[in-house]
Amino acid sequence: MPRAVILNKDLSNIIQPDPRDMRRMQEFVTRSWYAYSGGDQAGLHPWQGETIAGSTAAPSRRTSSRRVEQKYTWLKAPRWNETPMEVGPLARVLAMYATGHAQTKELVDATL
């Protein structure tokens, strides 16, 4: 899987991030039901990350209101150079496509 940062939807300008860059590659728990010992506003590199269930419990299924101002997910928020990043399956396909992976390009082009 290629390492790739795609900014501003520009597939022609791929940045290859250094996974050891503790300053640029961080995860945040501000809106998740996790906590960091250094505070929820801190960003930690994934290798330094903590997975501590926070004091604010996840709401039950019966909870009808979801307040965005509060914690609302079990996911951490990844950022590169302070920019929110998508790191799921779509991001992986885009990274392979943008870096010229032949089979991915063929399948995506055929699908689109």
PDB file of N, CA and C in Angstrom:
ATOM      1  N   MET A   1       0.851  -1.162   0.000  1.00  0.00           N
ATOM      2  CA  MET A   1       0.000   0.000   0.000  1.00  0.00           C
ATOM      3  C   MET A   1       0.903   1.232   0.000  1.00  0.00           C
ATOM      4  N   PRO A   2       0.742   2.111  -0.970  1.00  0.00           N
ATOM      5  CA  PRO A   2       1.595   3.304  -1.005  1.00  0.00           C
ATOM      6  C   PRO A   2       1.215   4.290   0.090  1.00  0.00           C
ATOM      7  N   ARG A   3       2.205   4.995   0.569  1.00  0.00           N
ATOM      8  CA  ARG A   3       1.947   6.093   1.495  1.00  0.00           C
ATOM      9  C   ARG A   3       1.673   7.318   0.643  1.00  0.00           C
ATOM     10  N   ALA A   4       0.582   7.992   0.928  1.00  0.00           N
ATOM     11  CA  ALA A   4       0.242   9.155   0.114  1.00  0.00           C
ATOM     12  C   ALA A   4      -0.618  10.129   0.886  1.00  0.00           C
ATOM     13  N   VAL A   5      -0.296  11.401   0.738  1.00  0.00           N
ATOM     14  CA  VAL A   5      -1.144  12.474   1.225  1.00  0.00           C
ATOM     15  C   VAL A   5      -1.634  13.203  -0.014  1.00  0.00           C
ATOM     16  N   ILE A   6      -2.948  13.312  -0.129  1.00  0.00           N
ATOM     17  CA  ILE A   6      -3.570  14.018  -1.249  1.00  0.00           C
ATOM     18  C   ILE A   6      -4.249  15.247  -0.659  1.00  0.00           C
ATOM     19  N   LEU A   7      -3.805  16.418  -1.078  1.00  0.00           N
ATOM     20  CA  LEU A   7      -4.369  17.663  -0.580  1.00  0.00           C
ATOM     21  C   LEU A   7      -5.159  18.362  -1.680  1.00  0.00           C
ATOM     22  N   ASN A   8      -6.264  18.968  -1.307  1.00  0.00           N
ATOM     23  CA  ASN A   8      -7.084  19.761  -2.226  1.00  0.00           C
ATOM     24  C   ASN A   8      -7.519  18.988  -3.464  1.00  0.00           C
ATOM     25  N   LYS A   9      -7.745  17.691  -3.308  1.00  0.00           N
ATOM     26  CA  LYS A   9      -8.228  16.825  -4.402  1.00  0.00           C
ATOM     27  C   LYS A   9      -7.269  16.759  -5.584  1.00  0.00           C
ATOM     28  N   ASP A  10      -6.022  17.111  -5.382  1.00  0.00           N
ATOM     29  CA  ASP A  10      -5.035  17.152  -6.464  1.00  0.00           C
ATOM     30  C   ASP A  10      -4.281  15.826  -6.554  1.00  0.00           C
ATOM     31  N   LEU A  11      -4.744  14.941  -7.430  1.00  0.00           N
ATOM     32  CA  LEU A  11      -4.116  13.626  -7.586  1.00  0.00           C
ATOM     33  C   LEU A  11      -2.780  13.694  -8.319  1.00  0.00           C
ATOM     34  N   SER A  12      -2.447  14.843  -8.871  1.00  0.00           N
ATOM     35  CA  SER A  12      -1.174  14.974  -9.583  1.00  0.00           C
ATOM     36  C   SER A  12      -0.037  15.413  -8.657  1.00  0.00           C
ATOM     37  N   ASN A  13      -0.372  15.764  -7.418  1.00  0.00           N
ATOM     38  CA  ASN A  13       0.637  16.235  -6.476  1.00  0.00           C
ATOM     39  C   ASN A  13       0.574  15.390  -5.205  1.00  0.00           C
ATOM     40  N   ILE A  14       1.179  14.225  -5.265  1.00  0.00           N
ATOM     41  CA  ILE A  14       1.154  13.287  -4.142  1.00  0.00           C
ATOM     42  C   ILE A  14       2.335  13.558  -3.217  1.00  0.00           C
ATOM     43  N   ILE A  15       2.042  13.680  -1.942  1.00  0.00           N
ATOM     44  CA  ILE A  15       3.090  13.842  -0.940  1.00  0.00           C
ATOM     45  C   ILE A  15       3.282  12.499  -0.260  1.00  0.00           C
ATOM     46  N   GLN A  16       4.510  12.048  -0.180  1.00  0.00           N
ATOM     47  CA  GLN A  16       4.793  10.776   0.486  1.00  0.00           C
ATOM     48  C   GLN A  16       5.206  11.080   1.931  1.00  0.00           C
ATOM     49  N   PRO A  17       4.308  10.843   2.885  1.00  0.00           N
ATOM     50  CA  PRO A  17       4.614  11.190   4.275  1.00  0.00           C
ATOM     51  C   PRO A  17       5.610  10.222   4.907  1.00  0.00           C
ATOM     52  N   ASP A  18       6.344  10.734   5.859  1.00  0.00           N
ATOM     53  CA  ASP A  18       7.263   9.909   6.643  1.00  0.00           C
ATOM     54  C   ASP A  18       6.490   9.396   7.856  1.00  0.00           C
ATOM     55  N   PRO A  19       6.280   8.084   7.965  1.00  0.00           N
ATOM     56  CA  PRO A  19       5.481   7.559   9.087  1.00  0.00           C
ATOM     57  C   PRO A  19       6.134   7.791  10.449  1.00  0.00           C
ATOM     58  N   ARG A  20       7.409   8.153  10.461  1.00  0.00           N
ATOM     59  CA  ARG A  20       8.104   8.412  11.735  1.00  0.00           C
ATOM     60  C   ARG A  20       8.022   9.877  12.156  1.00  0.00           C
ATOM     61  N   ASP A  21       7.392  10.721  11.353  1.00  0.00           N
ATOM     62  CA  ASP A  21       7.304  12.149  11.645  1.00  0.00           C
ATOM     63  C   ASP A  21       6.287  12.381  12.761  1.00  0.00           C
ATOM     64  N   MET A  22       6.784  12.471  13.970  1.00  0.00           N
ATOM     65  CA  MET A  22       5.929  12.597  15.153  1.00  0.00           C
ATOM     66  C   MET A  22       5.181  13.932  15.192  1.00  0.00           C
ATOM     67  N   ARG A  23       5.690  14.940  14.525  1.00  0.00           N
ATOM     68  CA  ARG A  23       5.086  16.269  14.564  1.00  0.00           C
ATOM     69  C   ARG A  23       3.928  16.401  13.581  1.00  0.00           C
ATOM     70  N   ARG A  24       4.072  15.827  12.395  1.00  0.00           N
ATOM     71  CA  ARG A  24       3.047  15.995  11.361  1.00  0.00           C
ATOM     72  C   ARG A  24       1.939  14.955  11.413  1.00  0.00           C
ATOM     73  N   MET A  25       2.256  13.743  11.794  1.00  0.00           N
ATOM     74  CA  MET A  25       1.278  12.653  11.788  1.00  0.00           C
ATOM     75  C   MET A  25       0.738  12.466  13.198  1.00  0.00           C
ATOM     76  N   GLN A  26      -0.544  12.844  13.394  1.00  0.00           N
ATOM     77  CA  GLN A  26      -1.124  12.779  14.729  1.00  0.00           C
ATOM     78  C   GLN A  26      -2.576  12.317  14.675  1.00  0.00           C
ATOM     79  N   GLU A  27      -3.028  11.812  15.814  1.00  0.00           N
ATOM     80  CA  GLU A  27      -4.433  11.429  15.986  1.00  0.00           C
ATOM     81  C   GLU A  27      -4.989  12.229  17.159  1.00  0.00           C
ATOM     82  N   PHE A  28      -6.245  12.639  17.014  1.00  0.00           N
ATOM     83  CA  PHE A  28      -6.903  13.432  18.045  1.00  0.00           C
ATOM     84  C   PHE A  28      -8.138  12.696  18.562  1.00  0.00           C
ATOM     85  N   VAL A  29      -8.460  12.931  19.830  1.00  0.00           N
ATOM     86  CA  VAL A  29      -9.618  12.278  20.449  1.00  0.00           C
ATOM     87  C   VAL A  29     -10.631  13.296  20.965  1.00  0.00           C
ATOM     88  N   THR A  30     -10.574  14.514  20.467  1.00  0.00           N
ATOM     89  CA  THR A  30     -11.432  15.594  20.946  1.00  0.00           C
ATOM     90  C   THR A  30     -12.902  15.208  20.932  1.00  0.00           C
ATOM     91  N   ARG A  31     -13.359  14.528  19.890  1.00  0.00           N
ATOM     92  CA  ARG A  31     -14.772  14.169  19.752  1.00  0.00           C
ATOM     93  C   ARG A  31     -15.042  12.676  19.968  1.00  0.00           C
ATOM     94  N   SER A  32     -14.013  11.931  20.340  1.00  0.00           N
ATOM     95  CA  SER A  32     -14.236  10.492  20.543  1.00  0.00           C
ATOM     96  C   SER A  32     -14.411  10.191  22.025  1.00  0.00           C
ATOM     97  N   TRP A  33     -14.894   9.008  22.307  1.00  0.00           N
ATOM     98  CA  TRP A  33     -15.106   8.585  23.686  1.00  0.00           C
ATOM     99  C   TRP A  33     -13.816   8.084  24.322  1.00  0.00           C
ATOM    100  N   TYR A  34     -12.681   8.449  23.744  1.00  0.00           N
ATOM    101  CA  TYR A  34     -11.383   8.129  24.329  1.00  0.00           C
ATOM    102  C   TYR A  34     -10.847   9.371  25.022  1.00  0.00           C
ATOM    103  N   ALA A  35      -9.790   9.177  25.784  1.00  0.00           N
ATOM    104  CA  ALA A  35      -9.115  10.290  26.446  1.00  0.00           C
ATOM    105  C   ALA A  35      -7.610  10.091  26.303  1.00  0.00           C
ATOM    106  N   TYR A  36      -6.870  11.161  26.312  1.00  0.00           N
ATOM    107  CA  TYR A  36      -5.410  11.121  26.352  1.00  0.00           C
ATOM    108  C   TYR A  36      -4.982  11.643  27.717  1.00  0.00           C
ATOM    109  N   SER A  37      -3.941  11.058  28.271  1.00  0.00           N
ATOM    110  CA  SER A  37      -3.474  11.498  29.589  1.00  0.00           C
ATOM    111  C   SER A  37      -3.038  12.959  29.560  1.00  0.00           C
ATOM    112  N   GLY A  38      -2.603  13.465  28.400  1.00  0.00           N
ATOM    113  CA  GLY A  38      -2.196  14.863  28.265  1.00  0.00           C
ATOM    114  C   GLY A  38      -3.342  15.801  27.962  1.00  0.00           C
ATOM    115  N   GLY A  39      -4.558  15.296  27.915  1.00  0.00           N
ATOM    116  CA  GLY A  39      -5.730  16.128  27.621  1.00  0.00           C
ATOM    117  C   GLY A  39      -6.290  15.832  26.249  1.00  0.00           C
ATOM    118  N   ASP A  40      -7.567  16.061  26.089  1.00  0.00           N
ATOM    119  CA  ASP A  40      -8.264  15.728  24.850  1.00  0.00           C
ATOM    120  C   ASP A  40      -7.863  16.591  23.665  1.00  0.00           C
ATOM    121  N   GLN A  41      -7.266  17.750  23.903  1.00  0.00           N
ATOM    122  CA  GLN A  41      -6.875  18.629  22.808  1.00  0.00           C
ATOM    123  C   GLN A  41      -5.509  18.262  22.239  1.00  0.00           C
ATOM    124  N   ALA A  42      -4.803  17.365  22.900  1.00  0.00           N
ATOM    125  CA  ALA A  42      -3.469  16.963  22.447  1.00  0.00           C
ATOM    126  C   ALA A  42      -3.569  16.068  21.220  1.00  0.00           C
ATOM    127  N   GLY A  43      -2.580  16.169  20.358  1.00  0.00           N
ATOM    128  CA  GLY A  43      -2.472  15.252  19.230  1.00  0.00           C
ATOM    129  C   GLY A  43      -1.291  14.333  19.473  1.00  0.00           C
ATOM    130  N   LEU A  44      -1.491  13.044  19.256  1.00  0.00           N
ATOM    131  CA  LEU A  44      -0.410  12.078  19.463  1.00  0.00           C
ATOM    132  C   LEU A  44      -0.149  11.301  18.183  1.00  0.00           C
ATOM    133  N   HIS A  45       1.106  11.015  17.933  1.00  0.00           N
ATOM    134  CA  HIS A  45       1.469  10.161  16.815  1.00  0.00           C
ATOM    135  C   HIS A  45       0.878   8.777  17.086  1.00  0.00           C
ATOM    136  N   PRO A  46       0.425   8.062  16.038  1.00  0.00           N
ATOM    137  CA  PRO A  46      -0.182   6.740  16.258  1.00  0.00           C
ATOM    138  C   PRO A  46       0.690   5.788  17.074  1.00  0.00           C
ATOM    139  N   TRP A  47       2.001   5.882  16.950  1.00  0.00           N
ATOM    140  CA  TRP A  47       2.887   4.997  17.708  1.00  0.00           C
ATOM    141  C   TRP A  47       2.924   5.380  19.180  1.00  0.00           C
ATOM    142  N   GLN A  48       2.569   6.615  19.496  1.00  0.00           N
ATOM    143  CA  GLN A  48       2.543   7.080  20.879  1.00  0.00           C
ATOM    144  C   GLN A  48       1.119   7.094  21.429  1.00  0.00           C
ATOM    145  N   GLY A  49       0.173   6.826  20.571  1.00  0.00           N
ATOM    146  CA  GLY A  49      -1.236   6.963  20.926  1.00  0.00           C
ATOM    147  C   GLY A  49      -1.656   6.120  22.101  1.00  0.00           C
ATOM    148  N   GLU A  50      -2.670   6.601  22.755  1.00  0.00           N
ATOM    149  CA  GLU A  50      -3.253   5.915  23.891  1.00  0.00           C
ATOM    150  C   GLU A  50      -4.693   5.557  23.539  1.00  0.00           C
ATOM    151  N   THR A  51      -5.132   4.435  24.008  1.00  0.00           N
ATOM    152  CA  THR A  51      -6.520   4.037  23.802  1.00  0.00           C
ATOM    153  C   THR A  51      -7.134   3.858  25.180  1.00  0.00           C
ATOM    154  N   ILE A  52      -7.473   4.987  25.772  1.00  0.00           N
ATOM    155  CA  ILE A  52      -8.030   5.010  27.118  1.00  0.00           C
ATOM    156  C   ILE A  52      -9.500   5.399  27.007  1.00  0.00           C
ATOM    157  N   ALA A  53     -10.377   4.521  27.452  1.00  0.00           N
ATOM    158  CA  ALA A  53     -11.798   4.865  27.441  1.00  0.00           C
ATOM    159  C   ALA A  53     -11.993   6.071  28.351  1.00  0.00           C
ATOM    160  N   GLY A  54     -12.613   7.111  27.825  1.00  0.00           N
ATOM    161  CA  GLY A  54     -12.788   8.353  28.566  1.00  0.00           C
ATOM    162  C   GLY A  54     -13.818   8.246  29.666  1.00  0.00           C
ATOM    163  N   SER A  55     -13.898   9.286  30.463  1.00  0.00           N
ATOM    164  CA  SER A  55     -14.856   9.298  31.563  1.00  0.00           C
ATOM    165  C   SER A  55     -16.283   9.528  31.067  1.00  0.00           C
ATOM    166  N   THR A  56     -16.396  10.110  29.861  1.00  0.00           N
ATOM    167  CA  THR A  56     -17.713  10.322  29.273  1.00  0.00           C
ATOM    168  C   THR A  56     -18.121   9.047  28.549  1.00  0.00           C
ATOM    169  N   ALA A  57     -19.079   8.366  29.069  1.00  0.00           N
ATOM    170  CA  ALA A  57     -19.494   7.090  28.485  1.00  0.00           C
ATOM    171  C   ALA A  57     -20.224   7.304  27.173  1.00  0.00           C
ATOM    172  N   ALA A  58     -20.129   6.318  26.314  1.00  0.00           N
ATOM    173  CA  ALA A  58     -20.872   6.349  25.056  1.00  0.00           C
ATOM    174  C   ALA A  58     -22.359   6.287  25.373  1.00  0.00           C
ATOM    175  N   PRO A  59     -23.174   7.021  24.623  1.00  0.00           N
ATOM    176  CA  PRO A  59     -24.613   6.989  24.893  1.00  0.00           C
ATOM    177  C   PRO A  59     -25.210   5.624  24.549  1.00  0.00           C
ATOM    178  N   SER A  60     -26.314   5.321  25.179  1.00  0.00           N
ATOM    179  CA  SER A  60     -26.987   4.072  24.855  1.00  0.00           C
ATOM    180  C   SER A  60     -27.676   4.204  23.506  1.00  0.00           C
ATOM    181  N   ARG A  61     -28.110   3.096  22.957  1.00  0.00           N
ATOM    182  CA  ARG A  61     -28.824   3.121  21.676  1.00  0.00           C
ATOM    183  C   ARG A  61     -30.126   3.910  21.779  1.00  0.00           C
ATOM    184  N   ARG A  62     -30.626   4.029  22.963  1.00  0.00           N
ATOM    185  CA  ARG A  62     -31.888   4.746  23.153  1.00  0.00           C
ATOM    186  C   ARG A  62     -31.714   6.261  23.144  1.00  0.00           C
ATOM    187  N   THR A  63     -30.476   6.709  23.221  1.00  0.00           N
ATOM    188  CA  THR A  63     -30.242   8.153  23.199  1.00  0.00           C
ATOM    189  C   THR A  63     -30.606   8.686  21.822  1.00  0.00           C
ATOM    190  N   SER A  64     -31.520   9.633  21.792  1.00  0.00           N
ATOM    191  CA  SER A  64     -32.012  10.126  20.509  1.00  0.00           C
ATOM    192  C   SER A  64     -31.227  11.316  19.988  1.00  0.00           C
ATOM    193  N   SER A  65     -30.631  12.090  20.868  1.00  0.00           N
ATOM    194  CA  SER A  65     -29.936  13.287  20.392  1.00  0.00           C
ATOM    195  C   SER A  65     -28.429  13.061  20.367  1.00  0.00           C
ATOM    196  N   ARG A  66     -27.818  13.484  19.285  1.00  0.00           N
ATOM    197  CA  ARG A  66     -26.365  13.428  19.141  1.00  0.00           C
ATOM    198  C   ARG A  66     -25.882  14.867  19.067  1.00  0.00           C
ATOM    199  N   ARG A  67     -25.146  15.279  20.029  1.00  0.00           N
ATOM    200  CA  ARG A  67     -24.650  16.651  20.054  1.00  0.00           C
ATOM    201  C   ARG A  67     -23.227  16.675  19.527  1.00  0.00           C
ATOM    202  N   VAL A  68     -23.021  17.366  18.429  1.00  0.00           N
ATOM    203  CA  VAL A  68     -21.710  17.421  17.780  1.00  0.00           C
ATOM    204  C   VAL A  68     -20.694  18.123  18.665  1.00  0.00           C
ATOM    205  N   GLU A  69     -21.152  18.980  19.554  1.00  0.00           N
ATOM    206  CA  GLU A  69     -20.231  19.697  20.434  1.00  0.00           C
ATOM    207  C   GLU A  69     -19.600  18.753  21.462  1.00  0.00           C
ATOM    208  N   GLN A  70     -20.234  17.609  21.660  1.00  0.00           N
ATOM    209  CA  GLN A  70     -19.759  16.662  22.652  1.00  0.00           C
ATOM    210  C   GLN A  70     -19.050  15.502  21.963  1.00  0.00           C
ATOM    211  N   LYS A  71     -18.637  14.544  22.741  1.00  0.00           N
ATOM    212  CA  LYS A  71     -18.007  13.347  22.191  1.00  0.00           C
ATOM    213  C   LYS A  71     -19.081  12.468  21.562  1.00  0.00           C
ATOM    214  N   TYR A  72     -18.790  11.905  20.382  1.00  0.00           N
ATOM    215  CA  TYR A  72     -19.841  11.165  19.675  1.00  0.00           C
ATOM    216  C   TYR A  72     -19.353   9.941  18.899  1.00  0.00           C
ATOM    217  N   THR A  73     -18.112   9.515  19.060  1.00  0.00           N
ATOM    218  CA  THR A  73     -17.621   8.402  18.259  1.00  0.00           C
ATOM    219  C   THR A  73     -16.535   7.616  18.985  1.00  0.00           C
ATOM    220  N   TRP A  74     -16.319   6.386  18.527  1.00  0.00           N
ATOM    221  CA  TRP A  74     -15.200   5.584  19.021  1.00  0.00           C
ATOM    222  C   TRP A  74     -13.976   5.763  18.130  1.00  0.00           C
ATOM    223  N   LEU A  75     -14.067   6.543  17.078  1.00  0.00           N
ATOM    224  CA  LEU A  75     -12.951   6.739  16.157  1.00  0.00           C
ATOM    225  C   LEU A  75     -12.078   7.914  16.585  1.00  0.00           C
ATOM    226  N   LYS A  76     -10.786   7.795  16.308  1.00  0.00           N
ATOM    227  CA  LYS A  76      -9.871   8.915  16.498  1.00  0.00           C
ATOM    228  C   LYS A  76      -9.830   9.707  15.191  1.00  0.00           C
ATOM    229  N   ALA A  77      -9.426  10.962  15.263  1.00  0.00           N
ATOM    230  CA  ALA A  77      -9.376  11.826  14.088  1.00  0.00           C
ATOM    231  C   ALA A  77      -7.927  11.988  13.628  1.00  0.00           C
ATOM    232  N   PRO A  78      -7.554  11.323  12.524  1.00  0.00           N
ATOM    233  CA  PRO A  78      -6.174  11.446  12.041  1.00  0.00           C
ATOM    234  C   PRO A  78      -5.952  12.769  11.302  1.00  0.00           C
ATOM    235  N   ARG A  79      -4.772  13.343  11.508  1.00  0.00           N
ATOM    236  CA  ARG A  79      -4.391  14.572  10.812  1.00  0.00           C
ATOM    237  C   ARG A  79      -2.948  14.459  10.370  1.00  0.00           C
ATOM    238  N   TRP A  80      -2.662  15.061   9.236  1.00  0.00           N
ATOM    239  CA  TRP A  80      -1.291  15.182   8.759  1.00  0.00           C
ATOM    240  C   TRP A  80      -1.024  16.667   8.585  1.00  0.00           C
ATOM    241  N   ASN A  81       0.005  17.139   9.253  1.00  0.00           N
ATOM    242  CA  ASN A  81       0.370  18.555   9.194  1.00  0.00           C
ATOM    243  C   ASN A  81      -0.838  19.437   9.552  1.00  0.00           C
ATOM    244  N   GLU A  82      -1.576  19.015  10.570  1.00  0.00           N
ATOM    245  CA  GLU A  82      -2.756  19.703  11.095  1.00  0.00           C
ATOM    246  C   GLU A  82      -3.955  19.714  10.142  1.00  0.00           C
ATOM    247  N   THR A  83      -3.928  18.905   9.095  1.00  0.00           N
ATOM    248  CA  THR A  83      -5.024  18.821   8.138  1.00  0.00           C
ATOM    249  C   THR A  83      -5.761  17.499   8.338  1.00  0.00           C
ATOM    250  N   PRO A  84      -7.090  17.527   8.536  1.00  0.00           N
ATOM    251  CA  PRO A  84      -7.840  16.273   8.685  1.00  0.00           C
ATOM    252  C   PRO A  84      -7.637  15.368   7.471  1.00  0.00           C
ATOM    253  N   MET A  85      -7.484  14.079   7.726  1.00  0.00           N
ATOM    254  CA  MET A  85      -7.218  13.105   6.671  1.00  0.00           C
ATOM    255  C   MET A  85      -8.241  11.981   6.689  1.00  0.00           C
ATOM    256  N   GLU A  86      -8.605  11.517   5.508  1.00  0.00           N
ATOM    257  CA  GLU A  86      -9.408  10.300   5.351  1.00  0.00           C
ATOM    258  C   GLU A  86      -8.409   9.160   5.240  1.00  0.00           C
ATOM    259  N   VAL A  87      -8.587   8.118   6.017  1.00  0.00           N
ATOM    260  CA  VAL A  87      -7.631   7.014   6.004  1.00  0.00           C
ATOM    261  C   VAL A  87      -8.294   5.666   5.761  1.00  0.00           C
ATOM    262  N   GLY A  88      -9.528   5.677   5.336  1.00  0.00           N
ATOM    263  CA  GLY A  88     -10.267   4.447   5.123  1.00  0.00           C
ATOM    264  C   GLY A  88     -10.048   3.861   3.742  1.00  0.00           C
ATOM    265  N   PRO A  89     -10.923   2.955   3.334  1.00  0.00           N
ATOM    266  CA  PRO A  89     -10.791   2.254   2.066  1.00  0.00           C
ATOM    267  C   PRO A  89     -10.759   3.170   0.841  1.00  0.00           C
ATOM    268  N   LEU A  90     -11.581   4.200   0.810  1.00  0.00           N
ATOM    269  CA  LEU A  90     -11.579   5.113  -0.331  1.00  0.00           C
ATOM    270  C   LEU A  90     -10.236   5.824  -0.444  1.00  0.00           C
ATOM    271  N   ALA A  91      -9.683   6.246   0.682  1.00  0.00           N
ATOM    272  CA  ALA A  91      -8.377   6.906   0.671  1.00  0.00           C
ATOM    273  C   ALA A  91      -7.302   5.964   0.134  1.00  0.00           C
ATOM    274  N   ARG A  92      -7.385   4.699   0.468  1.00  0.00           N
ATOM    275  CA  ARG A  92      -6.394   3.731  -0.019  1.00  0.00           C
ATOM    276  C   ARG A  92      -6.507   3.536  -1.525  1.00  0.00           C
ATOM    277  N   VAL A  93      -7.733   3.473  -2.024  1.00  0.00           N
ATOM    278  CA  VAL A  93      -7.926   3.341  -3.474  1.00  0.00           C
ATOM    279  C   VAL A  93      -7.399   4.582  -4.184  1.00  0.00           C
ATOM    280  N   LEU A  94      -7.702   5.763  -3.663  1.00  0.00           N
ATOM    281  CA  LEU A  94      -7.196   6.996  -4.278  1.00  0.00           C
ATOM    282  C   LEU A  94      -5.673   7.044  -4.265  1.00  0.00           C
ATOM    283  N   ALA A  95      -5.069   6.611  -3.175  1.00  0.00           N
ATOM    284  CA  ALA A  95      -3.603   6.598  -3.096  1.00  0.00           C
ATOM    285  C   ALA A  95      -3.016   5.658  -4.140  1.00  0.00           C
ATOM    286  N   MET A  96      -3.599   4.483  -4.290  1.00  0.00           N
ATOM    287  CA  MET A  96      -3.087   3.536  -5.299  1.00  0.00           C
ATOM    288  C   MET A  96      -3.304   4.077  -6.704  1.00  0.00           C
ATOM    289  N   TYR A  97      -4.461   4.673  -6.945  1.00  0.00           N
ATOM    290  CA  TYR A  97      -4.763   5.243  -8.258  1.00  0.00           C
ATOM    291  C   TYR A  97      -3.794   6.379  -8.589  1.00  0.00           C
ATOM    292  N   ALA A  98      -3.616   7.289  -7.642  1.00  0.00           N
ATOM    293  CA  ALA A  98      -2.781   8.465  -7.872  1.00  0.00           C
ATOM    294  C   ALA A  98      -1.302   8.120  -8.032  1.00  0.00           C
ATOM    295  N   THR A  99      -0.867   7.035  -7.425  1.00  0.00           N
ATOM    296  CA  THR A  99       0.542   6.650  -7.550  1.00  0.00           C
ATOM    297  C   THR A  99       0.777   5.697  -8.718  1.00  0.00           C
ATOM    298  N   GLY A 100      -0.271   5.445  -9.501  1.00  0.00           N
ATOM    299  CA  GLY A 100      -0.100   4.699 -10.740  1.00  0.00           C
ATOM    300  C   GLY A 100      -0.189   3.191 -10.642  1.00  0.00           C
ATOM    301  N   HIS A 101      -0.805   2.664  -9.614  1.00  0.00           N
ATOM    302  CA  HIS A 101      -0.973   1.216  -9.486  1.00  0.00           C
ATOM    303  C   HIS A 101      -1.848   0.724 -10.644  1.00  0.00           C
ATOM    304  N   ALA A 102      -1.264  -0.064 -11.533  1.00  0.00           N
ATOM    305  CA  ALA A 102      -1.896  -0.423 -12.814  1.00  0.00           C
ATOM    306  C   ALA A 102      -3.272  -1.083 -12.642  1.00  0.00           C
ATOM    307  N   GLN A 103      -3.374  -2.090 -11.817  1.00  0.00           N
ATOM    308  CA  GLN A 103      -4.640  -2.803 -11.666  1.00  0.00           C
ATOM    309  C   GLN A 103      -5.718  -1.890 -11.070  1.00  0.00           C
ATOM    310  N   THR A 104      -5.329  -1.057 -10.109  1.00  0.00           N
ATOM    311  CA  THR A 104      -6.293  -0.131  -9.518  1.00  0.00           C
ATOM    312  C   THR A 104      -6.767   0.876 -10.552  1.00  0.00           C
ATOM    313  N   LYS A 105      -5.847   1.419 -11.341  1.00  0.00           N
ATOM    314  CA  LYS A 105      -6.232   2.384 -12.381  1.00  0.00           C
ATOM    315  C   LYS A 105      -7.201   1.748 -13.371  1.00  0.00           C
ATOM    316  N   GLU A 106      -6.918   0.510 -13.766  1.00  0.00           N
ATOM    317  CA  GLU A 106      -7.778  -0.186 -14.721  1.00  0.00           C
ATOM    318  C   GLU A 106      -9.182  -0.379 -14.157  1.00  0.00           C
ATOM    319  N   LEU A 107      -9.268  -0.834 -12.906  1.00  0.00           N
ATOM    320  CA  LEU A 107     -10.576  -1.082 -12.296  1.00  0.00           C
ATOM    321  C   LEU A 107     -11.355   0.221 -12.054  1.00  0.00           C
ATOM    322  N   VAL A 108     -10.687   1.242 -11.569  1.00  0.00           N
ATOM    323  CA  VAL A 108     -11.365   2.503 -11.310  1.00  0.00           C
ATOM    324  C   VAL A 108     -11.834   3.141 -12.615  1.00  0.00           C
ATOM    325  N   ASP A 109     -10.960   3.177 -13.617  1.00  0.00           N
ATOM    326  CA  ASP A 109     -11.344   3.763 -14.912  1.00  0.00           C
ATOM    327  C   ASP A 109     -12.521   3.016 -15.532  1.00  0.00           C
ATOM    328  N   ALA A 110     -12.519   1.689 -15.428  1.00  0.00           N
ATOM    329  CA  ALA A 110     -13.618   0.890 -15.982  1.00  0.00           C
ATOM    330  C   ALA A 110     -14.928   1.171 -15.220  1.00  0.00           C
ATOM    331  N   THR A 111     -14.815   1.352 -13.925  1.00  0.00           N
ATOM    332  CA  THR A 111     -15.992   1.604 -13.101  1.00  0.00           C
ATOM    333  C   THR A 111     -16.561   2.994 -13.360  1.00  0.00           C
ATOM    334  N   LEU A 112     -15.674   3.967 -13.503  1.00  0.00           N
ATOM    335  CA  LEU A 112     -16.143   5.337 -13.718  1.00  0.00           C
ATOM    336  C   LEU A 112     -16.555   5.569 -15.141  1.00  0.00           C
TER     337      LEU A 112
END
